[in-house]
Amino acid sequence: MTSSIAMPLHATATQPLECWFLTSEFEGQRAGSFRQERWSKVFSGLNCPVRVFNVQGANRLLEKTFGMPEEIEAFRESVMNVSVSKASVREGMAITVIRFIKHTFLIDLYLPNVIALYRRCARLLRETQGNVVIMASSPPFSMAVVGAMLKRRFPEKVTLSVDMRDAWALHDSLGGNRNIKRAIEGAVLRRADAVTTVSYGLAEEFESNYSIKVGTLFNVATHYFEPTTPRSVDWRALNPDIDPDRIKVVYTGSTPIGFYDLQSLTQGIRQLRERNPAAADRLQVIFVGACAPVQAAWEMLGGGMDVIFVPHVNHHTARAIQQNADVLMFLAYFAPGNKGVVSTKIFEYMALGKPIYPVSLHHGSDVDRLLETYCGRSCCLHTADEMTAAFERVVEQGALETLPHMDDPKRVRPLLDGYRDLARTLLTQAQSGAK
């Protein structure tokens, strides 16, 4: 399969030797991994060899070089074919304590593989005669820190771009001393030649706090816009309590504690049963993945077969589940303006052309504007009553008639131009000599 974002550019004698990617996602199946794949294809498509440095856990460090987009696709396809038995988002009280300790003492910044990554890149930069573009992907923010340290040590060789897929110091749900973290985050981002993020909201937050210019590159799910043959799903094999004849409202992914308004959502589902049993009999909400907080909230209300839970599945199975769902649920980050969070999931849903049931979406937020622009309508549901009413409309009037959905996936392809434009800018700067 040929990448739709590979744009060959004739190499010149002054072109930098390589583009280096510092990331933790390249060997994973999470949504963020596809942004790294997309970036790698763009640079390799511009005839720039790509060297990926991927950290996992505390000790693993992968180093792998790709010359063409097809090589990247083959590697990523092998990753997608691996059966993953556990979700990447871990749950439980012990994990909450560990996260608190990690963010309080900034442990991510000096893990063994992070130190090894810096040393390896520094040695390569000492040995190479050419310039390099370093693309540091955060989270984890340690990748941005390593990139900034290399930029400071080798300013004449390194052109640094930091891709902030999420906030670090400015994130409401992460622990640690925010003043110290803000000082580190600001110093790192000011060191970069370019900073990008995934939404206008986040870009504005970074700009106002750190007085820097930040570009917005939406997390367009290019892997969902490539034509694929839909796979069938045996719903009862996933969970025998799933009723294939009911309207299936599906959420795939994780629900970290403190990120979403799960109380209003579960109460809205419970109210549908209490107020309109006939409608409730025709609809079932299915959560696939690491969704223990949802399950706990639902059981607090008495539980029941209106909400079903399926353990974590691999990417291919999750995509097949999405393809066979009647409605796809989108959970917006529970904060004013949704904290500017725009996940890959919204683009996956739009690419599939499925009706989208958004929870806690704020009017004027990035996702709200995306739905208005590309789906022709949005839907802002905040209270349990609003969610109950929306479920009733799905049952009685139809999902396509009442929820946003995108008819033509090609409409969002122009959003990919920003990736190519920035890549060319970085390569040009590296060719002319980093500063």
Protein backbone atom coordinates (compact mmCIF):
# COMPACT_ATOMS: atom_id res chain seq x y z
CA MET A 1 0.00 0.00 0.00
CA THR A 2 1.43 3.38 -0.99
CA SER A 3 1.18 6.19 1.53
CA SER A 4 -1.16 9.01 0.62
CA ILE A 5 1.10 11.55 2.32
CA ALA A 6 4.43 10.70 0.71
CA MET A 7 5.47 13.70 -1.38
CA PRO A 8 8.86 12.97 -3.00
CA LEU A 9 11.26 15.90 -3.16
CA HIS A 10 14.57 15.73 -5.01
CA ALA A 11 17.43 15.61 -2.54
CA THR A 12 20.24 18.12 -2.78
CA ALA A 13 23.87 17.95 -1.79
CA THR A 14 23.19 20.18 1.21
CA GLN A 15 20.22 18.22 2.54
CA PRO A 16 20.69 17.15 6.18
CA LEU A 17 21.77 13.60 6.71
CA GLU A 18 18.71 12.53 8.63
CA CYS A 19 15.59 13.44 10.53
CA TRP A 20 15.57 11.95 14.03
CA PHE A 21 12.35 11.12 15.83
CA LEU A 22 12.41 10.96 19.62
CA THR A 23 9.25 9.20 20.76
CA SER A 24 7.70 6.50 22.94
CA GLU A 25 4.83 5.59 20.62
CA PHE A 26 6.37 4.09 17.49
CA GLU A 27 6.14 0.48 18.70
CA GLY A 28 2.65 0.90 20.15
CA GLN A 29 -0.96 0.77 19.00
CA ARG A 30 -2.21 3.89 20.78
CA ALA A 31 -3.64 6.73 18.71
CA GLY A 32 -0.53 8.86 19.27
CA SER A 33 1.60 6.32 17.44
CA PHE A 34 -0.07 7.15 14.15
CA ARG A 35 1.01 10.78 14.41
CA GLN A 36 4.62 9.57 14.62
CA GLU A 37 4.02 7.28 11.65
CA ARG A 38 2.53 10.20 9.71
CA TRP A 39 5.48 12.49 10.45
CA SER A 40 7.98 9.78 9.51
CA LYS A 41 6.27 9.18 6.18
CA VAL A 42 6.27 12.89 5.38
CA PHE A 43 10.02 13.25 5.97
CA SER A 44 10.98 10.01 4.24
CA GLY A 45 8.70 11.01 1.37
CA LEU A 46 10.84 14.15 1.04
CA ASN A 47 13.90 11.93 0.48
CA CYS A 48 15.17 12.52 4.01
CA PRO A 49 16.20 9.32 5.85
CA VAL A 50 14.37 8.93 9.15
CA ARG A 51 16.03 7.54 12.26
CA VAL A 52 13.53 6.62 14.97
CA PHE A 53 14.54 6.46 18.63
CA ASN A 54 11.70 4.86 20.57
CA VAL A 55 11.73 4.46 24.35
CA GLN A 56 9.54 1.96 26.18
CA GLY A 57 9.23 1.56 29.92
CA ALA A 58 12.38 2.45 31.84
CA ASN A 59 15.02 0.51 29.91
CA ARG A 60 14.10 -0.25 26.29
CA LEU A 61 15.48 1.98 23.54
CA LEU A 62 14.87 1.09 19.89
CA GLU A 63 16.94 2.73 17.16
CA LYS A 64 15.82 2.07 13.59
CA THR A 65 16.42 3.88 10.28
CA PHE A 66 13.94 4.09 7.41
CA GLY A 67 14.63 5.29 3.88
CA MET A 68 11.17 5.15 2.33
CA PRO A 69 7.54 5.49 3.47
CA GLU A 70 6.89 1.87 2.44
CA GLU A 71 9.48 0.67 4.97
CA ILE A 72 7.69 2.60 7.70
CA GLU A 73 4.34 1.14 6.67
CA ALA A 74 5.75 -2.40 6.78
CA PHE A 75 7.20 -1.87 10.26
CA ARG A 76 4.02 -0.31 11.61
CA GLU A 77 1.88 -3.05 10.07
CA SER A 78 3.93 -5.62 11.97
CA VAL A 79 3.29 -3.65 15.16
CA MET A 80 -0.45 -3.54 14.47
CA ASN A 81 -0.59 -7.30 13.93
CA VAL A 82 0.73 -8.03 17.41
CA SER A 83 -1.97 -9.19 19.81
CA VAL A 84 -1.84 -6.89 22.84
CA SER A 85 -3.36 -8.40 25.96
CA LYS A 86 -3.10 -5.33 28.19
CA ALA A 87 -4.10 -1.73 27.67
CA SER A 88 -1.35 0.87 27.63
CA VAL A 89 -3.34 2.88 30.18
CA ARG A 90 -3.12 1.09 33.52
CA GLU A 91 -5.73 1.42 36.22
CA GLY A 92 -6.12 1.00 39.97
CA MET A 93 -5.21 2.75 43.22
CA ALA A 94 -1.57 1.60 43.10
CA ILE A 95 -1.16 3.10 39.64
CA THR A 96 -2.63 6.39 40.88
CA VAL A 97 -0.03 6.52 43.66
CA ILE A 98 2.76 5.65 41.23
CA ARG A 99 1.66 8.43 38.87
CA PHE A 100 1.68 10.90 41.76
CA ILE A 101 5.23 9.92 42.69
CA LYS A 102 6.34 10.00 39.06
CA HIS A 103 5.09 13.53 38.44
CA THR A 104 6.15 14.86 41.85
CA PHE A 105 9.77 13.78 41.40
CA LEU A 106 9.85 14.16 37.58
CA ILE A 107 11.04 10.58 37.27
CA ASP A 108 10.28 10.42 33.54
CA LEU A 109 13.08 12.91 32.86
CA TYR A 110 15.90 10.70 34.09
CA LEU A 111 14.88 7.12 33.37
CA PRO A 112 17.76 4.89 32.21
CA ASN A 113 16.60 4.79 28.59
CA VAL A 114 16.15 8.58 28.51
CA ILE A 115 19.75 9.02 29.65
CA ALA A 116 20.86 6.40 27.12
CA LEU A 117 18.95 8.24 24.38
CA TYR A 118 20.72 11.51 25.12
CA ARG A 119 24.14 9.86 25.19
CA ARG A 120 23.53 7.97 21.94
CA CYS A 121 22.31 11.06 20.08
CA ALA A 122 25.15 13.19 21.44
CA ARG A 123 27.70 10.64 20.23
CA LEU A 124 26.12 10.52 16.78
CA LEU A 125 26.13 14.32 16.57
CA ARG A 126 29.80 14.44 17.52
CA GLU A 127 30.60 11.96 14.76
CA THR A 128 28.41 13.32 11.94
CA GLN A 129 29.46 16.09 9.58
CA GLY A 130 25.94 16.97 8.48
CA ASN A 131 22.97 18.65 10.11
CA VAL A 132 19.91 16.89 11.47
CA VAL A 133 16.28 17.74 12.12
CA ILE A 134 15.16 16.44 15.51
CA MET A 135 11.43 15.86 15.94
CA ALA A 136 10.69 15.39 19.64
CA SER A 137 7.23 14.04 20.41
CA SER A 138 5.67 14.79 23.79
CA PRO A 139 4.30 13.04 25.77
CA PRO A 140 6.53 11.85 27.27
CA PHE A 141 7.98 15.30 27.88
CA SER A 142 11.39 13.73 28.42
CA MET A 143 11.69 13.49 24.63
CA ALA A 144 11.37 17.27 24.36
CA VAL A 145 13.89 17.72 27.18
CA VAL A 146 16.43 15.51 25.40
CA GLY A 147 15.85 17.41 22.16
CA ALA A 148 16.38 20.77 23.89
CA MET A 149 19.59 19.55 25.54
CA LEU A 150 20.93 18.39 22.18
CA LYS A 151 19.94 21.70 20.59
CA ARG A 152 21.79 23.61 23.29
CA ARG A 153 24.92 21.46 22.97
CA PHE A 154 24.96 21.29 19.15
CA PRO A 155 23.20 24.48 17.98
CA GLU A 156 25.05 24.52 14.66
CA LYS A 157 23.94 20.99 13.78
CA VAL A 158 20.44 20.61 15.23
CA THR A 159 17.16 22.03 13.98
CA LEU A 160 14.66 21.17 16.73
CA SER A 161 10.90 20.78 16.41
CA VAL A 162 8.83 19.84 19.48
CA ASP A 163 5.42 18.29 18.84
CA MET A 164 3.34 18.82 21.99
CA ARG A 165 0.48 16.35 21.61
CA ASP A 166 -0.65 17.31 25.10
CA ALA A 167 0.29 19.72 27.84
CA TRP A 168 2.75 18.72 30.56
CA ALA A 169 3.14 21.46 33.16
CA LEU A 170 -0.17 23.03 32.10
CA HIS A 171 -2.14 19.76 32.34
CA ASP A 172 -4.82 19.89 35.06
CA SER A 173 -4.84 16.14 35.75
CA LEU A 174 -1.11 15.55 36.22
CA GLY A 175 0.60 15.98 39.57
CA GLY A 176 3.89 17.57 40.56
CA ASN A 177 5.09 21.06 41.38
CA ARG A 178 3.54 23.14 38.60
CA ASN A 179 5.94 26.07 39.07
CA ILE A 180 8.99 23.87 38.58
CA LYS A 181 7.38 22.04 35.68
CA ARG A 182 6.34 25.29 34.01
CA ALA A 183 9.89 26.61 34.27
CA ILE A 184 11.20 23.45 32.61
CA GLU A 185 8.47 23.36 29.97
CA GLY A 186 8.98 27.02 29.08
CA ALA A 187 12.75 26.67 28.79
CA VAL A 188 12.43 23.62 26.56
CA LEU A 189 9.83 25.09 24.22
CA ARG A 190 11.73 28.37 23.86
CA ARG A 191 14.80 26.40 22.80
CA ALA A 192 12.94 24.80 19.87
CA ASP A 193 12.99 26.16 16.34
CA ALA A 194 9.36 25.10 15.91
CA VAL A 195 6.61 24.01 18.31
CA THR A 196 3.41 22.32 17.18
CA THR A 197 0.37 20.94 18.94
CA VAL A 198 -2.92 19.26 18.11
CA SER A 199 -5.49 22.03 18.64
CA TYR A 200 -5.97 25.78 18.59
CA GLY A 201 -6.88 25.71 22.28
CA LEU A 202 -3.58 24.13 23.32
CA ALA A 203 -1.63 26.40 20.96
CA GLU A 204 -3.19 29.48 22.55
CA GLU A 205 -2.38 28.18 26.03
CA PHE A 206 1.28 27.55 25.20
CA GLU A 207 1.59 30.92 23.47
CA SER A 208 0.05 32.89 26.33
CA ASN A 209 2.12 31.15 29.02
CA TYR A 210 5.49 31.00 27.28
CA SER A 211 5.42 33.85 24.73
CA ILE A 212 6.26 31.55 21.83
CA LYS A 213 4.68 30.87 18.46
CA VAL A 214 2.91 27.51 18.22
CA GLY A 215 1.50 25.89 15.10
CA THR A 216 -1.61 23.71 15.08
CA LEU A 217 -1.57 20.42 13.18
CA PHE A 218 -4.72 18.42 13.82
CA ASN A 219 -4.29 14.73 14.52
CA VAL A 220 -5.82 13.64 11.22
CA ALA A 221 -6.22 9.85 11.37
CA THR A 222 -4.60 9.11 8.02
CA HIS A 223 -4.56 5.40 8.82
CA TYR A 224 -8.38 5.49 8.77
CA PHE A 225 -8.61 7.30 5.45
CA GLU A 226 -6.90 4.51 3.52
CA PRO A 227 -9.57 2.23 1.98
CA THR A 228 -9.95 -1.07 3.83
CA THR A 229 -12.37 -3.95 3.58
CA PRO A 230 -14.72 -3.81 6.59
CA ARG A 231 -14.38 -6.78 8.92
CA SER A 232 -17.35 -8.46 10.54
CA VAL A 233 -17.61 -8.71 14.31
CA ASP A 234 -19.08 -11.46 16.46
CA TRP A 235 -20.56 -9.28 19.17
CA ARG A 236 -21.44 -12.14 21.50
CA ALA A 237 -17.86 -13.44 21.27
CA LEU A 238 -16.71 -10.08 22.62
CA ASN A 239 -19.23 -10.30 25.45
CA PRO A 240 -22.20 -12.70 25.58
CA ASP A 241 -24.34 -9.93 27.11
CA ILE A 242 -24.18 -7.84 23.94
CA ASP A 243 -27.47 -7.93 22.04
CA PRO A 244 -26.67 -7.68 18.29
CA ASP A 245 -30.23 -6.51 17.58
CA ARG A 246 -30.00 -3.39 19.75
CA ILE A 247 -28.57 -0.07 18.57
CA LYS A 248 -24.91 -0.25 19.59
CA VAL A 249 -23.34 2.97 20.89
CA VAL A 250 -19.63 2.16 21.14
CA TYR A 251 -16.66 3.78 22.84
CA THR A 252 -13.18 2.35 22.20
CA GLY A 253 -10.18 3.45 24.22
CA SER A 254 -9.42 4.33 27.81
CA THR A 255 -11.10 6.53 30.41
CA PRO A 256 -8.39 7.83 32.78
CA ILE A 257 -9.60 9.00 36.18
CA GLY A 258 -10.45 12.70 36.22
CA PHE A 259 -10.55 13.21 32.45
CA TYR A 260 -14.26 12.77 31.66
CA ASP A 261 -17.69 13.46 33.16
CA LEU A 262 -18.62 9.83 33.66
CA GLN A 263 -21.22 10.55 36.33
CA SER A 264 -23.46 12.58 34.01
CA LEU A 265 -23.02 10.03 31.23
CA THR A 266 -23.92 6.99 33.31
CA GLN A 267 -26.79 8.86 34.96
CA GLY A 268 -28.08 9.78 31.51
CA ILE A 269 -28.09 6.12 30.49
CA ARG A 270 -29.81 5.13 33.74
CA GLN A 271 -32.47 7.80 33.23
CA LEU A 272 -33.24 6.44 29.77
CA ARG A 273 -34.14 3.12 31.40
CA GLU A 274 -36.26 4.82 34.06
CA ARG A 275 -38.08 7.30 31.81
CA ASN A 276 -38.41 5.43 28.53
CA PRO A 277 -37.97 1.66 29.00
CA ALA A 278 -39.05 0.95 25.43
CA ALA A 279 -36.26 3.14 24.07
CA ALA A 280 -33.76 1.67 26.53
CA ASP A 281 -34.64 -1.83 25.31
CA ARG A 282 -33.51 -0.84 21.82
CA LEU A 283 -30.12 0.66 22.74
CA GLN A 284 -26.96 -0.64 24.35
CA VAL A 285 -23.80 1.31 25.23
CA ILE A 286 -20.57 -0.68 24.86
CA PHE A 287 -17.19 0.37 26.29
CA VAL A 288 -14.14 -1.37 24.82
CA GLY A 289 -10.77 -1.00 26.54
CA ALA A 290 -9.42 0.26 29.85
CA CYS A 291 -12.68 1.71 31.16
CA ALA A 292 -12.72 0.71 34.84
CA PRO A 293 -13.84 4.21 35.99
CA VAL A 294 -16.94 3.95 33.77
CA GLN A 295 -17.70 0.49 35.10
CA ALA A 296 -17.37 1.72 38.69
CA ALA A 297 -19.68 4.68 38.00
CA TRP A 298 -22.24 2.41 36.32
CA GLU A 299 -22.20 -0.15 39.13
CA MET A 300 -22.72 2.66 41.65
CA LEU A 301 -26.06 3.22 39.90
CA GLY A 302 -26.98 -0.45 40.07
CA GLY A 303 -25.43 -1.72 36.83
CA GLY A 304 -27.41 -3.71 34.31
CA MET A 305 -27.31 -4.82 30.67
CA ASP A 306 -27.77 -1.33 29.21
CA VAL A 307 -24.01 -0.81 29.50
CA ILE A 308 -21.57 -3.55 28.52
CA PHE A 309 -17.80 -3.72 28.99
CA VAL A 310 -15.28 -5.45 26.73
CA PRO A 311 -11.62 -5.85 27.76
CA HIS A 312 -8.76 -4.30 25.81
CA VAL A 313 -8.38 -5.50 22.21
CA ASN A 314 -5.70 -4.84 19.59
CA HIS A 315 -5.95 -2.04 17.05
CA HIS A 316 -7.33 -4.14 14.18
CA THR A 317 -10.11 -5.56 16.34
CA ALA A 318 -10.96 -2.13 17.74
CA ARG A 319 -11.24 -0.75 14.23
CA ALA A 320 -13.53 -3.61 13.19
CA ILE A 321 -15.72 -2.91 16.23
CA GLN A 322 -15.93 0.75 15.22
CA GLN A 323 -16.84 -0.22 11.65
CA ASN A 324 -19.75 -2.33 12.90
CA ALA A 325 -21.05 0.08 15.53
CA ASP A 326 -24.23 2.06 14.93
CA VAL A 327 -23.01 5.11 16.86
CA LEU A 328 -19.51 6.05 18.07
CA MET A 329 -19.18 7.86 21.39
CA PHE A 330 -16.66 10.67 21.82
CA LEU A 331 -15.69 11.73 25.35
CA ALA A 332 -14.45 15.32 25.50
CA TYR A 333 -11.99 16.35 28.19
CA PHE A 334 -14.02 17.61 31.16
CA ALA A 335 -12.78 21.20 31.53
CA PRO A 336 -13.64 24.71 30.26
CA GLY A 337 -13.26 24.74 26.50
CA ASN A 338 -12.38 21.03 26.79
CA LYS A 339 -8.85 22.27 27.58
CA GLY A 340 -8.19 22.46 23.84
CA VAL A 341 -7.93 18.67 23.60
CA VAL A 342 -8.52 17.20 20.12
CA SER A 343 -7.75 13.49 20.00
CA THR A 344 -7.16 11.29 16.97
CA LYS A 345 -10.40 9.53 17.85
CA ILE A 346 -12.61 12.31 16.47
CA PHE A 347 -10.91 12.00 13.07
CA GLU A 348 -11.21 8.21 13.17
CA TYR A 349 -14.93 8.58 13.74
CA MET A 350 -15.33 11.13 10.96
CA ALA A 351 -13.36 8.95 8.54
CA LEU A 352 -15.69 6.03 9.22
CA GLY A 353 -18.71 8.21 8.48
CA LYS A 354 -20.46 6.99 11.63
CA PRO A 355 -22.84 9.11 13.72
CA ILE A 356 -20.90 10.67 16.61
CA TYR A 357 -22.34 11.00 20.12
CA PRO A 358 -20.13 13.62 21.86
CA VAL A 359 -20.14 13.93 25.65
CA SER A 360 -19.22 17.20 27.45
CA LEU A 361 -18.37 19.03 24.24
CA HIS A 362 -18.17 22.80 24.79
CA HIS A 363 -19.57 25.23 22.24
CA GLY A 364 -16.75 26.92 20.35
CA SER A 365 -14.14 24.32 21.30
CA ASP A 366 -11.88 22.88 18.62
CA VAL A 367 -13.86 19.64 18.30
CA ASP A 368 -17.14 21.57 18.21
CA ARG A 369 -15.81 23.67 15.33
CA LEU A 370 -14.45 20.61 13.53
CA LEU A 371 -17.84 18.91 13.69
CA GLU A 372 -19.60 22.05 12.48
CA THR A 373 -17.12 22.44 9.61
CA TYR A 374 -16.82 18.86 8.38
CA CYS A 375 -20.06 17.26 9.57
CA GLY A 376 -22.41 20.19 9.14
CA ARG A 377 -23.57 20.10 12.76
CA SER A 378 -22.33 19.60 16.29
CA CYS A 379 -23.92 18.37 19.51
CA CYS A 380 -23.06 19.75 22.95
CA LEU A 381 -24.31 17.46 25.74
CA HIS A 382 -23.41 18.24 29.35
CA THR A 383 -26.16 17.22 31.76
CA ALA A 384 -27.64 13.79 32.35
CA ASP A 385 -30.98 15.09 31.07
CA GLU A 386 -29.41 16.28 27.80
CA MET A 387 -27.72 12.92 27.30
CA THR A 388 -30.93 11.01 28.01
CA ALA A 389 -32.80 13.13 25.47
CA ALA A 390 -30.07 12.58 22.86
CA PHE A 391 -30.28 8.80 23.35
CA GLU A 392 -34.06 8.99 22.92
CA ARG A 393 -33.66 10.91 19.66
CA VAL A 394 -31.24 8.27 18.36
CA VAL A 395 -33.78 5.53 19.04
CA GLU A 396 -36.89 7.35 17.87
CA GLN A 397 -35.61 9.50 14.99
CA GLY A 398 -32.41 7.75 13.93
CA ALA A 399 -28.72 8.37 14.57
CA LEU A 400 -27.93 9.75 11.12
CA GLU A 401 -30.80 12.22 11.44
CA THR A 402 -29.87 13.50 14.90
CA LEU A 403 -26.08 13.22 15.34
CA PRO A 404 -23.12 14.72 13.46
CA HIS A 405 -21.40 12.54 10.86
CA MET A 406 -19.17 13.18 7.85
CA ASP A 407 -20.29 12.03 4.41
CA ASP A 408 -17.00 12.51 2.52
CA PRO A 409 -13.72 11.61 4.28
CA LYS A 410 -11.71 13.43 1.60
CA ARG A 411 -12.88 16.74 3.02
CA VAL A 412 -10.23 16.70 5.76
CA ARG A 413 -7.26 15.79 3.56
CA PRO A 414 -6.19 19.45 3.15
CA LEU A 415 -5.39 19.41 6.88
CA LEU A 416 -2.38 17.24 5.99
CA ASP A 417 -0.77 20.10 4.06
CA GLY A 418 0.46 21.60 7.31
CA TYR A 419 2.62 18.55 7.99
CA ARG A 420 4.31 18.77 4.61
CA ASP A 421 4.78 22.53 4.84
CA LEU A 422 6.47 22.34 8.23
CA ALA A 423 8.68 19.44 7.15
CA ARG A 424 9.91 21.43 4.15
CA THR A 425 10.55 24.48 6.34
CA LEU A 426 12.58 22.45 8.83
CA LEU A 427 14.60 20.77 6.08
CA THR A 428 15.32 24.11 4.44
CA GLN A 429 16.49 25.56 7.76
CA ALA A 430 18.69 22.54 8.41
CA GLN A 431 20.17 22.74 4.91
CA SER A 432 21.08 26.38 5.39
CA GLY A 433 22.65 25.67 8.77
CA ALA A 434 21.05 25.37 12.20
CA LYS A 435 21.42 28.16 14.73
